[in-house]
Amino acid sequence: MTEQVVVNLGPQHPSTHGVFRMVVVLDGETVVDLKPIMGYLHRNHEKIGERNTFLQNMPFTDRLDYVCSMSNNFGYALAVEKLMGVQPPERAEYIRVMMAELTRFLNHIFSIGFLLNDLGAFFTPMLYALEERELILDVFEAVSGSRMMCNYFRFGGVARDIPDDVMEKIRKLVLDRLPRKLDEMDYFITNNEIVRGRCEGVGVLTAERAIALSASGPVLRASGVPYDVRRADPYSIYDRFEFDIPVRYNGDIYDRYLLRLDEMRQSLRILQQVLRDIPDGPIMSGKPQYQVRVPAGESYGRVEGPKGELGFYVVSNGKPNPWRYHVRAPTFINLTSLAEMCRGQKIADVVTILGSIDIVLGEVDR
């Protein structure tokens, strides 16, 4: 046995996907133990959320998982709508699901590009992924006025309707371009011998441990547990759509990659049904308000975000701002299993295992 060495990966390191630190104990190149250290990006999100009015919090949720702002809006809107007892109109529900599934596609293609980056295929696959992401961000910009921090959902609906020309753009993306590009990525990456050699059997998380560590999203489903909030506790109008919950059984990096490919295909399937069935009509119940009245009470709104179960716990005492506001951030909880996945692996694999969890530090640290 050689002498054990303690190495810091991060907080300033390109592979840590942000300001995140891993303290790794090494025996040669083998990881004996690992401790994730968060908090470098902590911005006091939840305390600020108790100072803001309910509506002022909507643009703050964008800044949690800043890759998936629409999903963050969705979870928060559901939590407050439960308290207010309002129901969005039909068209608004369809638009919400459309934005959420476009976000899921955007997130997964982005994370696959980054995974290849972490494997050392420096930047070419990433740029291919970014091209598709940009096209979806064009849609977000057209409907919300912003590419990343969308601030698009409102209690009882959405801020603006989708213009006809943008709807046509979405149709072309969903029915033609995105399925084609997904097949292209599948063709180039899935059976690549380097990808398979570096990912198969690496960073394994068993179903039992995934459940014990409260994992959710792709990390949980790639370990063989077919749990998805859209099916387990349907929200909005997800119970109207036909889609499968993809599941893989090896719990390694390769299965987490394959599962995201499967999920993107299911998202396109949902989007095709949305485009087929979306009705005309209003996009807001009631008139737009700058100040909403939220009755006293507590609620928990949760969505199946691209990275896992994203929940917002809100307590109101009838005043203009929440009395308590808490976020169940999926990547923060998914990081609990990082040490377990890394023990016994090589130091070079730690970077890829972290990439396969797909974290965003804005959400981890809040």
Protein backbone atom coordinates (compact mmCIF):
# COMPACT_ATOMS: atom_id res chain seq x y z
CA MET A 1 0.00 0.00 0.00
CA THR A 2 1.29 3.46 -0.92
CA GLU A 3 0.92 6.55 1.22
CA GLN A 4 -2.51 8.14 0.94
CA VAL A 5 -2.70 11.62 -0.52
CA VAL A 6 -5.48 14.22 -0.09
CA VAL A 7 -6.21 16.20 -3.24
CA ASN A 8 -8.57 19.14 -3.74
CA LEU A 9 -10.52 19.13 -6.99
CA GLY A 10 -11.85 22.66 -7.16
CA PRO A 11 -13.34 25.02 -6.07
CA GLN A 12 -11.77 26.77 -9.08
CA HIS A 13 -11.48 23.93 -11.57
CA PRO A 14 -13.00 23.56 -15.05
CA SER A 15 -14.29 20.05 -14.35
CA THR A 16 -16.34 20.97 -11.27
CA HIS A 17 -19.09 22.65 -13.38
CA GLY A 18 -18.89 25.77 -11.22
CA VAL A 19 -17.50 26.73 -7.83
CA PHE A 20 -17.61 23.32 -6.19
CA ARG A 21 -14.92 21.45 -4.26
CA MET A 22 -14.24 17.75 -3.88
CA VAL A 23 -11.75 16.64 -1.23
CA VAL A 24 -10.47 13.31 -2.55
CA VAL A 25 -8.37 10.81 -0.56
CA LEU A 26 -6.21 8.84 -2.99
CA ASP A 27 -4.21 5.65 -2.81
CA GLY A 28 -2.12 6.02 -5.97
CA GLU A 29 -4.78 6.90 -8.55
CA THR A 30 -7.60 5.06 -6.78
CA VAL A 31 -10.19 7.02 -4.80
CA VAL A 32 -10.39 5.82 -1.19
CA ASP A 33 -12.87 8.49 -0.08
CA LEU A 34 -14.44 11.69 -1.35
CA LYS A 35 -16.19 14.57 0.35
CA PRO A 36 -18.21 17.12 -1.64
CA ILE A 37 -17.97 20.65 -0.24
CA MET A 38 -20.63 23.14 -1.35
CA GLY A 39 -21.56 26.66 -0.44
CA TYR A 40 -19.15 28.77 -2.48
CA LEU A 41 -22.04 30.15 -4.52
CA HIS A 42 -24.50 30.58 -1.64
CA ARG A 43 -26.68 33.65 -2.24
CA ASN A 44 -29.22 33.31 0.57
CA HIS A 45 -31.98 32.54 -1.94
CA GLU A 46 -34.54 31.27 0.57
CA LYS A 47 -34.16 34.17 3.01
CA ILE A 48 -34.43 36.68 0.15
CA GLY A 49 -37.54 34.74 -0.95
CA GLU A 50 -39.15 35.56 2.41
CA ARG A 51 -38.41 39.25 1.94
CA ASN A 52 -39.79 39.43 -1.64
CA THR A 53 -43.49 39.44 -2.43
CA PHE A 54 -44.85 36.20 -3.91
CA LEU A 55 -44.69 37.55 -7.45
CA GLN A 56 -41.21 39.05 -7.01
CA ASN A 57 -39.90 35.54 -6.34
CA MET A 58 -40.70 34.31 -9.86
CA PRO A 59 -37.58 35.82 -11.51
CA PHE A 60 -35.52 34.65 -8.52
CA THR A 61 -36.46 31.02 -9.22
CA ASP A 62 -34.92 31.43 -12.71
CA ARG A 63 -31.55 31.79 -11.06
CA LEU A 64 -31.62 28.44 -9.27
CA ASP A 65 -31.01 25.95 -12.06
CA TYR A 66 -30.14 28.65 -14.57
CA VAL A 67 -30.12 26.12 -17.46
CA CYS A 68 -33.78 25.22 -16.79
CA SER A 69 -35.51 28.43 -15.71
CA MET A 70 -38.91 27.40 -17.13
CA SER A 71 -39.04 24.28 -14.91
CA ASN A 72 -38.20 26.36 -11.83
CA ASN A 73 -41.03 28.77 -12.67
CA PHE A 74 -43.39 25.80 -13.04
CA GLY A 75 -42.71 24.31 -9.58
CA TYR A 76 -43.03 27.65 -7.80
CA ALA A 77 -46.21 28.61 -9.71
CA LEU A 78 -47.83 25.29 -8.72
CA ALA A 79 -47.00 25.78 -5.02
CA VAL A 80 -48.53 29.28 -4.87
CA GLU A 81 -51.54 28.33 -7.06
CA LYS A 82 -52.40 25.57 -4.57
CA LEU A 83 -52.60 28.20 -1.83
CA MET A 84 -54.54 30.67 -3.98
CA GLY A 85 -56.89 28.00 -5.35
CA VAL A 86 -56.54 29.22 -8.94
CA GLN A 87 -56.61 27.07 -12.06
CA PRO A 88 -54.82 28.17 -15.27
CA PRO A 89 -56.88 28.12 -18.49
CA GLU A 90 -56.49 25.19 -20.92
CA ARG A 91 -54.21 26.96 -23.38
CA ALA A 92 -51.90 28.11 -20.57
CA GLU A 93 -51.60 24.51 -19.29
CA TYR A 94 -50.55 23.31 -22.74
CA ILE A 95 -48.03 26.14 -23.10
CA ARG A 96 -46.58 25.30 -19.67
CA VAL A 97 -46.08 21.64 -20.58
CA MET A 98 -44.56 22.69 -23.91
CA MET A 99 -42.02 24.95 -22.19
CA ALA A 100 -41.22 22.31 -19.54
CA GLU A 101 -40.53 19.59 -22.14
CA LEU A 102 -38.48 21.91 -24.36
CA THR A 103 -36.48 22.67 -21.20
CA ARG A 104 -35.97 18.97 -20.49
CA PHE A 105 -34.68 18.41 -24.02
CA LEU A 106 -32.41 21.46 -23.79
CA ASN A 107 -31.00 20.34 -20.42
CA HIS A 108 -30.30 16.75 -21.44
CA ILE A 109 -28.62 17.59 -24.74
CA PHE A 110 -26.52 20.16 -22.87
CA SER A 111 -25.52 17.63 -20.20
CA ILE A 112 -24.53 15.01 -22.81
CA GLY A 113 -22.32 17.61 -24.51
CA PHE A 114 -20.70 18.37 -21.15
CA LEU A 115 -20.28 14.67 -20.34
CA LEU A 116 -18.22 14.25 -23.53
CA ASN A 117 -16.26 17.31 -22.46
CA ASP A 118 -15.52 15.64 -19.11
CA LEU A 119 -14.39 12.51 -20.97
CA GLY A 120 -11.85 14.63 -22.85
CA ALA A 121 -13.58 15.05 -26.25
CA PHE A 122 -12.86 18.69 -25.80
CA PHE A 123 -15.63 21.00 -27.00
CA THR A 124 -16.66 19.58 -30.39
CA PRO A 125 -19.63 17.51 -29.07
CA MET A 126 -20.40 20.38 -26.69
CA LEU A 127 -20.76 22.82 -29.60
CA TYR A 128 -23.03 20.40 -31.48
CA ALA A 129 -25.24 20.25 -28.38
CA LEU A 130 -25.15 24.02 -27.90
CA GLU A 131 -26.40 24.59 -31.43
CA GLU A 132 -29.67 22.78 -30.66
CA ARG A 133 -29.93 24.50 -27.30
CA GLU A 134 -29.61 27.91 -29.00
CA LEU A 135 -32.56 27.12 -31.27
CA ILE A 136 -34.74 26.31 -28.26
CA LEU A 137 -33.51 29.48 -26.52
CA ASP A 138 -34.65 31.45 -29.61
CA VAL A 139 -38.16 30.19 -28.83
CA PHE A 140 -37.83 31.17 -25.15
CA GLU A 141 -36.63 34.61 -26.16
CA ALA A 142 -39.58 35.07 -28.54
CA VAL A 143 -42.18 34.18 -25.89
CA SER A 144 -40.62 35.64 -22.74
CA GLY A 145 -38.17 38.30 -23.91
CA SER A 146 -35.20 36.50 -22.36
CA ARG A 147 -33.03 33.56 -23.34
CA MET A 148 -32.00 32.23 -19.93
CA MET A 149 -33.84 34.03 -17.13
CA CYS A 150 -37.30 33.67 -18.62
CA ASN A 151 -39.62 34.82 -15.78
CA TYR A 152 -42.46 33.51 -17.95
CA PHE A 153 -44.97 31.79 -15.66
CA ARG A 154 -47.57 33.67 -13.64
CA PHE A 155 -49.99 32.49 -10.95
CA GLY A 156 -52.97 31.40 -13.02
CA GLY A 157 -51.24 31.17 -16.39
CA VAL A 158 -48.29 32.53 -18.37
CA ALA A 159 -47.09 36.06 -19.11
CA ARG A 160 -47.54 36.12 -22.90
CA ASP A 161 -49.07 34.01 -25.63
CA ILE A 162 -47.00 32.28 -28.32
CA PRO A 163 -47.05 34.20 -31.64
CA ASP A 164 -48.07 32.20 -34.74
CA ASP A 165 -44.64 32.40 -36.40
CA VAL A 166 -42.98 31.09 -33.22
CA MET A 167 -45.48 28.23 -33.04
CA GLU A 168 -44.45 27.33 -36.59
CA LYS A 169 -40.80 27.42 -35.52
CA ILE A 170 -41.55 25.07 -32.59
CA ARG A 171 -43.41 22.75 -34.97
CA LYS A 172 -40.41 22.51 -37.31
CA LEU A 173 -38.04 21.89 -34.39
CA VAL A 174 -40.17 19.21 -32.75
CA LEU A 175 -41.29 17.36 -35.86
CA ASP A 176 -38.11 17.55 -37.92
CA ARG A 177 -34.87 19.01 -36.64
CA LEU A 178 -34.62 17.82 -33.03
CA PRO A 179 -35.47 14.13 -33.71
CA ARG A 180 -32.89 14.15 -36.53
CA LYS A 181 -30.17 15.70 -34.38
CA LEU A 182 -30.94 13.30 -31.53
CA ASP A 183 -30.45 10.31 -33.86
CA GLU A 184 -27.19 11.90 -35.03
CA MET A 185 -25.85 12.19 -31.47
CA ASP A 186 -26.98 8.64 -30.74
CA TYR A 187 -25.15 7.42 -33.86
CA PHE A 188 -21.89 9.17 -33.05
CA ILE A 189 -21.69 8.64 -29.29
CA THR A 190 -23.59 5.56 -28.10
CA ASN A 191 -21.36 2.85 -29.57
CA ASN A 192 -18.13 4.83 -29.51
CA GLU A 193 -15.63 2.44 -27.95
CA ILE A 194 -13.94 5.14 -25.85
CA VAL A 195 -17.27 6.32 -24.43
CA ARG A 196 -18.27 2.73 -23.63
CA GLY A 197 -14.86 1.86 -22.18
CA ARG A 198 -14.87 4.91 -19.88
CA CYS A 199 -18.55 4.75 -18.86
CA GLU A 200 -19.72 1.13 -18.60
CA GLY A 201 -19.47 -0.21 -15.06
CA VAL A 202 -18.09 3.10 -13.73
CA GLY A 203 -19.77 5.11 -10.95
CA VAL A 204 -22.34 2.43 -10.15
CA LEU A 205 -25.25 3.29 -7.84
CA THR A 206 -27.58 0.38 -6.98
CA ALA A 207 -31.35 0.78 -6.81
CA GLU A 208 -31.37 0.22 -3.02
CA ARG A 209 -28.71 2.85 -2.40
CA ALA A 210 -30.31 5.32 -4.83
CA ILE A 211 -33.58 5.07 -2.86
CA ALA A 212 -31.77 5.25 0.51
CA LEU A 213 -29.89 8.40 -0.59
CA SER A 214 -33.10 10.09 -1.88
CA ALA A 215 -31.82 10.31 -5.45
CA SER A 216 -34.34 11.43 -8.06
CA GLY A 217 -34.55 12.10 -11.78
CA PRO A 218 -32.21 10.38 -14.27
CA VAL A 219 -29.83 9.30 -11.47
CA LEU A 220 -32.63 7.29 -9.82
CA ARG A 221 -34.18 5.92 -13.02
CA ALA A 222 -30.81 4.80 -14.44
CA SER A 223 -30.44 2.66 -11.28
CA GLY A 224 -33.61 0.73 -12.10
CA VAL A 225 -36.31 2.66 -10.22
CA PRO A 226 -39.07 3.84 -12.60
CA TYR A 227 -40.18 6.79 -10.46
CA ASP A 228 -41.20 10.04 -12.15
CA VAL A 229 -43.31 12.78 -10.52
CA ARG A 230 -45.22 13.25 -13.81
CA ARG A 231 -46.64 9.74 -13.32
CA ALA A 232 -46.42 9.25 -9.52
CA ASP A 233 -48.17 12.52 -8.65
CA PRO A 234 -49.45 14.01 -11.94
CA TYR A 235 -49.58 17.80 -12.05
CA SER A 236 -50.83 20.27 -14.66
CA ILE A 237 -52.22 18.18 -17.58
CA TYR A 238 -49.57 15.44 -17.75
CA ASP A 239 -52.21 12.76 -17.18
CA ARG A 240 -53.56 13.48 -20.69
CA PHE A 241 -50.41 12.55 -22.56
CA GLU A 242 -49.08 9.20 -23.64
CA PHE A 243 -45.41 8.78 -22.73
CA ASP A 244 -43.21 6.14 -21.15
CA ILE A 245 -40.98 6.49 -18.11
CA PRO A 246 -37.58 5.30 -19.39
CA VAL A 247 -35.61 3.14 -16.95
CA ARG A 248 -32.16 1.50 -17.10
CA TYR A 249 -30.81 -1.10 -14.71
CA ASN A 250 -27.00 -0.88 -14.40
CA GLY A 251 -26.78 2.43 -12.53
CA ASP A 252 -23.50 3.40 -14.21
CA ILE A 253 -22.45 6.50 -16.19
CA TYR A 254 -23.35 4.81 -19.48
CA ASP A 255 -26.91 4.08 -18.35
CA ARG A 256 -27.35 7.65 -17.09
CA TYR A 257 -26.30 8.83 -20.56
CA LEU A 258 -28.65 6.38 -22.34
CA LEU A 259 -31.52 7.31 -20.03
CA ARG A 260 -31.20 10.99 -20.96
CA LEU A 261 -31.35 10.03 -24.65
CA ASP A 262 -34.53 8.00 -23.93
CA GLU A 263 -36.05 10.92 -22.00
CA MET A 264 -35.41 13.35 -24.84
CA ARG A 265 -37.32 11.01 -27.18
CA GLN A 266 -40.24 10.91 -24.71
CA SER A 267 -40.17 14.72 -24.40
CA LEU A 268 -40.47 15.01 -28.18
CA ARG A 269 -43.37 12.57 -28.03
CA ILE A 270 -45.16 14.77 -25.46
CA LEU A 271 -44.39 17.92 -27.49
CA GLN A 272 -45.91 16.37 -30.62
CA GLN A 273 -49.12 15.69 -28.68
CA VAL A 274 -49.11 19.26 -27.29
CA LEU A 275 -48.77 20.70 -30.80
CA ARG A 276 -51.62 18.45 -32.00
CA ASP A 277 -54.05 19.27 -29.17
CA ILE A 278 -53.30 22.85 -28.04
CA PRO A 279 -56.57 24.85 -27.96
CA ASP A 280 -57.15 28.56 -28.56
CA GLY A 281 -58.26 30.74 -25.68
CA PRO A 282 -56.99 32.92 -22.82
CA ILE A 283 -53.56 32.40 -21.24
CA MET A 284 -54.41 33.87 -17.81
CA SER A 285 -57.24 33.32 -15.37
CA GLY A 286 -58.32 36.76 -14.20
CA LYS A 287 -56.39 39.90 -15.06
CA PRO A 288 -52.62 40.28 -14.62
CA GLN A 289 -51.74 41.58 -11.14
CA TYR A 290 -48.71 43.24 -9.65
CA GLN A 291 -49.68 42.12 -6.17
CA VAL A 292 -51.42 38.83 -5.49
CA ARG A 293 -53.43 37.92 -2.41
CA VAL A 294 -52.29 34.58 -1.05
CA PRO A 295 -54.43 33.14 1.78
CA ALA A 296 -52.73 31.84 4.93
CA GLY A 297 -51.65 28.20 4.75
CA GLU A 298 -48.83 25.98 3.53
CA SER A 299 -48.25 24.11 0.30
CA TYR A 300 -45.67 22.03 -1.52
CA GLY A 301 -45.55 22.22 -5.31
CA ARG A 302 -43.36 19.73 -7.11
CA VAL A 303 -42.42 19.01 -10.70
CA GLU A 304 -40.26 16.42 -12.40
CA GLY A 305 -37.48 18.81 -13.38
CA PRO A 306 -34.87 17.68 -15.91
CA LYS A 307 -32.50 16.86 -13.04
CA GLY A 308 -35.01 15.30 -10.64
CA GLU A 309 -37.81 16.23 -8.26
CA LEU A 310 -37.86 20.00 -7.84
CA GLY A 311 -40.11 21.10 -5.00
CA PHE A 312 -41.11 24.43 -3.49
CA TYR A 313 -42.43 24.55 0.07
CA VAL A 314 -44.27 27.80 0.77
CA VAL A 315 -45.91 29.00 4.00
CA SER A 316 -48.16 32.06 3.86
CA ASN A 317 -49.56 34.04 6.78
CA GLY A 318 -51.78 36.16 4.54
CA LYS A 319 -49.22 38.95 4.10
CA PRO A 320 -47.80 40.05 0.70
CA ASN A 321 -44.63 37.95 1.12
CA PRO A 322 -44.12 34.27 2.08
CA TRP A 323 -43.53 33.58 5.77
CA ARG A 324 -41.40 30.56 4.84
CA TYR A 325 -39.97 29.56 1.50
CA HIS A 326 -37.84 26.48 0.88
CA VAL A 327 -36.54 24.77 -2.27
CA ARG A 328 -36.00 21.02 -2.61
CA ALA A 329 -33.15 21.21 -5.11
CA PRO A 330 -32.67 17.88 -6.93
CA THR A 331 -28.96 18.22 -7.71
CA PHE A 332 -28.14 19.17 -4.11
CA ILE A 333 -29.73 15.91 -2.96
CA ASN A 334 -28.30 13.87 -5.87
CA LEU A 335 -24.80 14.93 -4.77
CA THR A 336 -25.33 12.84 -1.62
CA SER A 337 -24.54 9.75 -3.69
CA LEU A 338 -21.35 11.16 -5.29
CA ALA A 339 -18.95 9.73 -2.67
CA GLU A 340 -20.52 6.28 -2.96
CA MET A 341 -20.21 6.28 -6.76
CA CYS A 342 -16.56 7.35 -6.63
CA ARG A 343 -15.04 5.02 -4.02
CA GLY A 344 -12.77 2.47 -5.66
CA GLN A 345 -12.72 4.34 -8.99
CA LYS A 346 -9.80 6.17 -10.60
CA ILE A 347 -9.27 9.90 -10.10
CA ALA A 348 -9.88 10.51 -13.83
CA ASP A 349 -13.33 8.91 -13.50
CA VAL A 350 -14.41 11.23 -10.65
CA VAL A 351 -14.79 14.08 -13.14
CA THR A 352 -17.01 11.98 -15.41
CA ILE A 353 -19.10 10.64 -12.52
CA LEU A 354 -19.79 14.21 -11.39
CA GLY A 355 -20.74 15.10 -14.98
CA SER A 356 -23.16 12.16 -15.13
CA ILE A 357 -25.08 13.47 -12.08
CA ASP A 358 -25.60 16.72 -14.02
CA ILE A 359 -25.38 19.40 -11.36
CA VAL A 360 -25.92 23.15 -11.55
CA LEU A 361 -24.29 25.02 -8.70
CA GLY A 362 -26.86 27.83 -8.64
CA GLU A 363 -29.36 25.23 -7.45
CA VAL A 364 -26.98 23.24 -5.23
CA ASP A 365 -25.89 26.25 -3.18
CA ARG A 366 -28.90 28.59 -3.57
